[in-house]
Amino acid sequence: IGRRDFVENSKPAPDIYIEALNALGTQAESVVAIEDTTTGVASASGAGIQTIAFPDANSLDHDFTKAAITTEILHPDQLSAIRPVHRTAVSQDF
């Protein structure tokens, strides 16, 4: 949806997420970001977007406390940590 060359400031600034929200015509409360680094989580959080952190081998030691969920595998029962805004948009097919 967006690339860092579309915005003035790259992550951890929220610019890329704000640009994506504007392009989609939606609000931060209506989406969830999935990130694998603290830089990405900080960027999404800065735009007011809740984040699911999926650490990989290079980011296992990162501080993901700003993420709503930090997990290697997302289970449906973990979705309660995300504020429901549009429940119909949440798929139960995980």
Protein backbone atom coordinates (compact mmCIF):
# COMPACT_ATOMS: atom_id res chain seq x y z
CA ILE A 1 0.00 0.00 0.00
CA GLY A 2 2.85 2.34 0.75
CA ARG A 3 6.60 2.65 0.37
CA ARG A 4 9.06 4.72 2.31
CA ASP A 5 9.84 6.83 -0.76
CA PHE A 6 6.18 7.99 -0.73
CA VAL A 7 6.68 9.85 2.55
CA GLU A 8 9.13 12.36 3.98
CA ASN A 9 9.95 10.44 7.15
CA SER A 10 10.51 6.68 7.27
CA LYS A 11 9.77 4.36 10.18
CA PRO A 12 9.69 4.76 13.16
CA ALA A 13 7.84 7.94 12.14
CA PRO A 14 4.13 7.22 11.54
CA ASP A 15 4.11 8.87 8.09
CA ILE A 16 3.85 5.65 6.05
CA TYR A 17 0.85 4.45 8.05
CA ILE A 18 -0.84 7.85 7.92
CA GLU A 19 -0.35 7.88 4.14
CA ALA A 20 -1.80 4.37 3.85
CA LEU A 21 -4.82 5.31 5.96
CA ASN A 22 -5.43 8.36 3.77
CA ALA A 23 -5.06 6.28 0.59
CA LEU A 24 -7.56 3.74 1.91
CA GLY A 25 -9.92 6.43 3.16
CA THR A 26 -10.13 4.82 6.59
CA GLN A 27 -9.35 5.60 10.22
CA ALA A 28 -6.66 4.07 12.44
CA GLU A 29 -9.33 2.52 14.66
CA SER A 30 -10.53 0.41 11.72
CA VAL A 31 -7.29 -1.42 10.96
CA VAL A 32 -4.61 -3.56 12.56
CA ALA A 33 -0.95 -3.49 11.57
CA ILE A 34 1.26 -6.58 11.52
CA GLU A 35 4.92 -5.83 12.15
CA ASP A 36 8.09 -7.77 12.90
CA THR A 37 10.29 -5.03 14.37
CA THR A 38 10.02 -2.42 17.11
CA THR A 39 10.56 0.24 14.46
CA GLY A 40 7.44 -0.93 12.63
CA VAL A 41 5.43 -1.24 15.85
CA ALA A 42 6.46 2.30 16.84
CA SER A 43 5.43 3.58 13.41
CA ALA A 44 1.99 1.97 13.50
CA SER A 45 1.42 2.96 17.13
CA GLY A 46 2.40 6.52 16.32
CA ALA A 47 -0.38 6.57 13.73
CA GLY A 48 -2.84 5.29 16.35
CA ILE A 49 -3.02 1.80 14.86
CA GLN A 50 -3.08 -1.30 17.03
CA THR A 51 -0.33 -3.72 16.15
CA ILE A 52 0.26 -7.46 16.16
CA ALA A 53 3.97 -8.17 16.51
CA PHE A 54 5.35 -11.29 14.83
CA PRO A 55 9.01 -11.41 15.87
CA ASP A 56 11.37 -13.25 13.56
CA ALA A 57 14.87 -14.61 14.15
CA ASN A 58 16.33 -11.11 13.83
CA SER A 59 13.91 -9.39 16.21
CA LEU A 60 13.33 -11.89 19.04
CA ASP A 61 15.13 -9.58 21.47
CA HIS A 62 13.14 -6.45 20.50
CA ASP A 63 10.83 -4.69 22.95
CA PHE A 64 7.30 -5.17 21.61
CA THR A 65 5.46 -3.68 24.60
CA LYS A 66 3.65 -1.17 22.34
CA ALA A 67 2.03 -4.03 20.40
CA ALA A 68 -1.43 -5.24 21.40
CA ILE A 69 -0.29 -8.82 20.79
CA THR A 70 3.16 -10.37 20.40
CA THR A 71 3.07 -13.90 19.07
CA GLU A 72 4.66 -16.38 16.70
CA ILE A 73 1.27 -17.94 15.90
CA LEU A 74 -2.00 -16.03 16.09
CA HIS A 75 -4.92 -17.93 17.58
CA PRO A 76 -8.53 -16.65 17.39
CA ASP A 77 -8.78 -16.36 21.18
CA GLN A 78 -5.90 -13.83 21.14
CA LEU A 79 -8.02 -11.40 19.13
CA SER A 80 -9.72 -10.25 22.32
CA ALA A 81 -6.60 -8.12 22.93
CA ILE A 82 -7.58 -6.04 19.89
CA ARG A 83 -10.28 -3.43 20.38
CA PRO A 84 -13.23 -4.56 18.27
CA VAL A 85 -14.32 -1.77 15.96
CA HIS A 86 -15.83 -3.60 13.00
CA ARG A 87 -16.47 -7.10 14.28
CA THR A 88 -17.75 -8.18 10.86
CA ALA A 89 -14.28 -7.49 9.46
CA VAL A 90 -12.67 -10.09 11.74
CA SER A 91 -12.41 -13.47 10.09
CA GLN A 92 -12.78 -16.59 12.20
CA ASP A 93 -10.90 -18.67 9.61
CA PHE A 94 -7.45 -18.78 11.21
